[in-house]
Protein backbone atom coordinates (compact mmCIF):
# COMPACT_ATOMS: atom_id res chain seq x y z
CA UNK A 1 1.90 25.11 -47.16
CA UNK A 2 4.71 26.03 -44.79
CA UNK A 3 5.61 23.64 -41.95
CA UNK A 4 4.11 24.43 -38.56
CA UNK A 5 6.29 26.53 -36.32
CA UNK A 6 6.89 25.21 -32.84
CA UNK A 7 5.99 27.53 -30.03
CA UNK A 8 8.91 29.18 -28.30
CA UNK A 9 7.26 28.41 -24.97
CA UNK A 10 8.73 25.50 -23.13
CA UNK A 11 7.02 23.53 -20.46
CA UNK A 12 8.34 23.46 -16.89
CA UNK A 13 9.25 19.82 -17.41
CA UNK A 14 11.44 20.69 -20.42
CA UNK A 15 13.27 23.30 -18.39
CA UNK A 16 13.76 21.02 -15.38
CA UNK A 17 15.08 18.05 -17.34
CA UNK A 18 17.31 20.04 -19.64
CA UNK A 19 20.97 20.12 -18.64
CA UNK A 20 20.72 20.23 -14.86
CA UNK A 21 22.24 17.54 -12.71
CA UNK A 22 19.87 18.46 -9.87
CA UNK A 23 16.83 17.35 -11.87
CA UNK A 24 15.12 14.29 -10.43
CA UNK A 25 15.61 11.12 -12.44
CA UNK A 26 12.23 9.75 -11.46
CA UNK A 27 8.56 10.62 -11.74
CA UNK A 28 8.13 12.62 -8.54
CA UNK A 29 4.35 12.66 -8.86
CA UNK A 30 4.26 8.86 -8.68
CA UNK A 31 7.34 7.92 -6.63
CA UNK A 32 9.08 9.06 -3.47
CA UNK A 33 12.54 8.55 -4.94
CA UNK A 34 14.43 6.93 -7.79
CA UNK A 35 14.84 3.84 -5.56
CA UNK A 36 11.07 3.60 -5.16
CA UNK A 37 10.59 3.90 -8.91
CA UNK A 38 13.12 1.08 -9.38
CA UNK A 39 11.19 -0.97 -6.82
CA UNK A 40 8.04 -0.39 -8.91
CA UNK A 41 9.87 -1.65 -12.02
CA UNK A 42 10.96 -4.75 -10.08
CA UNK A 43 7.43 -5.61 -8.89
CA UNK A 44 5.36 -4.48 -11.86
CA UNK A 45 5.17 -8.09 -13.05
CA UNK A 46 3.19 -9.06 -9.95
CA UNK A 47 -0.24 -10.40 -10.72
CA UNK A 48 -3.30 -9.98 -8.57
CA UNK A 49 -5.83 -12.62 -7.72
CA UNK A 50 -9.35 -11.29 -7.42
CA UNK A 51 -10.98 -11.64 -4.06
CA UNK A 52 -13.85 -14.07 -3.97
CA UNK A 53 -17.11 -12.84 -2.56
CA UNK A 54 -18.37 -15.58 -0.27
CA UNK A 55 -22.04 -15.29 0.63
CA UNK A 56 -22.89 -17.08 3.86
CA UNK A 57 -26.43 -17.87 4.89
CA UNK A 58 -27.51 -16.54 8.26
CA UNK A 59 -27.36 -20.05 9.74
CA UNK A 60 -23.85 -20.85 8.42
CA UNK A 61 -20.69 -20.36 10.48
CA UNK A 62 -22.55 -18.17 12.93
CA UNK A 63 -19.57 -17.86 15.32
CA UNK A 64 -17.42 -16.60 12.45
CA UNK A 65 -20.07 -14.12 11.29
CA UNK A 66 -20.60 -12.88 14.85
CA UNK A 67 -16.87 -12.30 15.27
CA UNK A 68 -16.70 -10.28 12.02
CA UNK A 69 -19.63 -8.15 13.19
CA UNK A 70 -18.21 -7.79 16.72
CA UNK A 71 -14.86 -6.59 15.38
CA UNK A 72 -16.58 -4.37 12.77
CA UNK A 73 -14.61 -6.03 9.97
CA UNK A 74 -17.38 -6.03 7.38
CA UNK A 75 -15.37 -3.64 5.19
CA UNK A 76 -12.45 -6.10 5.29
CA UNK A 77 -14.47 -9.09 4.13
CA UNK A 78 -16.31 -7.24 1.37
CA UNK A 79 -14.28 -7.41 -1.87
CA UNK A 80 -13.77 -4.22 -3.85
CA UNK A 81 -15.72 -4.13 -7.09
CA UNK A 82 -12.67 -2.99 -9.07
CA UNK A 83 -9.18 -1.60 -8.55
CA UNK A 84 -6.30 -0.24 -10.60
CA UNK A 85 -3.29 -2.60 -10.37
CA UNK A 86 -0.82 0.22 -11.19
CA UNK A 87 -2.03 2.26 -8.22
CA UNK A 88 -1.75 -0.77 -5.93
CA UNK A 89 1.79 -1.40 -7.19
CA UNK A 90 2.69 2.27 -6.64
CA UNK A 91 1.44 1.94 -3.07
CA UNK A 92 3.63 -1.11 -2.43
CA UNK A 93 6.68 0.35 -4.18
CA UNK A 94 6.45 3.61 -2.22
CA UNK A 95 5.72 1.85 1.09
CA UNK A 96 9.18 0.32 1.21
CA UNK A 97 11.55 1.93 3.76
CA UNK A 98 13.48 5.03 2.69
CA UNK A 99 16.44 4.17 4.92
CA UNK A 100 17.71 0.95 6.45
CA UNK A 101 15.71 0.25 9.59
CA UNK A 102 13.49 3.35 9.26
CA UNK A 103 9.83 2.52 8.75
CA UNK A 104 7.60 5.36 7.55
CA UNK A 105 4.09 4.01 7.85
CA UNK A 106 2.75 5.87 4.83
CA UNK A 107 3.05 5.61 1.09
CA UNK A 108 3.02 8.12 -1.78
CA UNK A 109 0.34 7.47 -4.41
CA UNK A 110 -0.41 9.84 -7.29
CA UNK A 111 0.77 12.88 -5.36
CA UNK A 112 -0.93 12.04 -2.06
CA UNK A 113 0.33 10.54 1.19
CA UNK A 114 -1.55 7.39 2.22
CA UNK A 115 -0.97 6.44 5.87
CA UNK A 116 -1.16 2.81 6.91
CA UNK A 117 -0.21 3.07 10.56
CA UNK A 118 -2.36 1.72 13.41
CA UNK A 119 -4.40 4.93 13.62
CA UNK A 120 -5.18 4.95 9.88
CA UNK A 121 -6.19 1.29 9.91
CA UNK A 122 -8.37 1.81 12.98
CA UNK A 123 -10.05 4.75 11.28
CA UNK A 124 -10.62 2.65 8.14
CA UNK A 125 -12.25 0.00 10.30
CA UNK A 126 -14.40 2.68 12.01
CA UNK A 127 -13.07 1.46 15.32
CA UNK A 128 -10.24 3.68 16.53
CA UNK A 129 -7.70 1.73 18.52
CA UNK A 130 -6.83 3.71 21.62
CA UNK A 131 -3.47 2.72 23.10
CA UNK A 132 -1.80 4.31 26.07
CA UNK A 133 1.80 5.42 25.69
CA UNK A 134 4.06 2.37 25.54
CA UNK A 135 1.14 -0.03 25.09
CA UNK A 136 1.28 -2.40 22.10
CA UNK A 137 -1.60 -3.69 20.02
CA UNK A 138 -2.40 -7.41 20.12
CA UNK A 139 -0.55 -8.06 16.83
CA UNK A 140 2.64 -6.41 18.14
CA UNK A 141 2.37 -8.34 21.40
CA UNK A 142 2.09 -11.65 19.54
CA UNK A 143 4.88 -10.72 17.12
CA UNK A 144 7.25 -9.82 19.96
CA UNK A 145 6.63 -12.92 22.09
CA UNK A 146 9.36 -15.56 22.17
CA UNK A 147 6.97 -18.02 20.49
CA UNK A 148 5.63 -15.21 18.28
CA UNK A 149 4.64 -15.23 14.66
CA UNK A 150 6.72 -17.17 12.15
CA UNK A 151 6.28 -14.72 9.28
CA UNK A 152 8.14 -16.92 6.80
CA UNK A 153 5.89 -19.91 7.56
CA UNK A 154 2.81 -17.70 7.25
CA UNK A 155 4.02 -16.35 3.89
CA UNK A 156 4.63 -19.89 2.59
CA UNK A 157 1.08 -20.89 3.47
CA UNK A 158 -0.67 -17.74 2.23
CA UNK A 159 1.40 -16.68 -0.78
CA UNK A 160 1.39 -18.37 -4.14
CA UNK A 161 4.80 -19.20 -5.67
CA UNK A 162 6.06 -16.48 -7.98
C-alpha cells in the first residue's frame, strides 16, 4: 500500500505563520496581544477557591438579608454552579492595561469583548447606575477621599498568600 499523499491545500493558519514577520506571535482568538498571552502564562498557576453557598434562615441576619435584597445583589451572593478556570484566567490576562496608565474597561475572551465598566456591572446587577456627567459612584468617591481605601491592606486581609 502506498503512503497517503498530503493534500496540497494549506490552511490559512499555515499561510499566515509561514515566513512572514508580520504574523502575530500569539493566539489572537484568545489574547489581545503577545503581552496579554505572556500575562496568561504568568498567572496560569493561580488556583481558585470555590465559593461557599451559605443558606441563611429567614430569621438570621435579617438586616444583612434586607440589604442584599434592597441593593438587588442576589446574583452576587449566589455562587455559580461551575466555571472554566482557563476562561477566567483569559479574562484576567486580557483585562490588564494595554498601555501605561490607559485603562480599557473590557476584556477579550474567546473572540468576544466582555465589558466590566460601571454600566456593564449595573446591567449585570439589573440596576442601572445613572450618573450625571462628572458625577462619581460611591466607590470612586470613597477611593478618592484623603482617608480613602487602603487597597493594599484590603488585599492582605482578603487574599490568601500565593
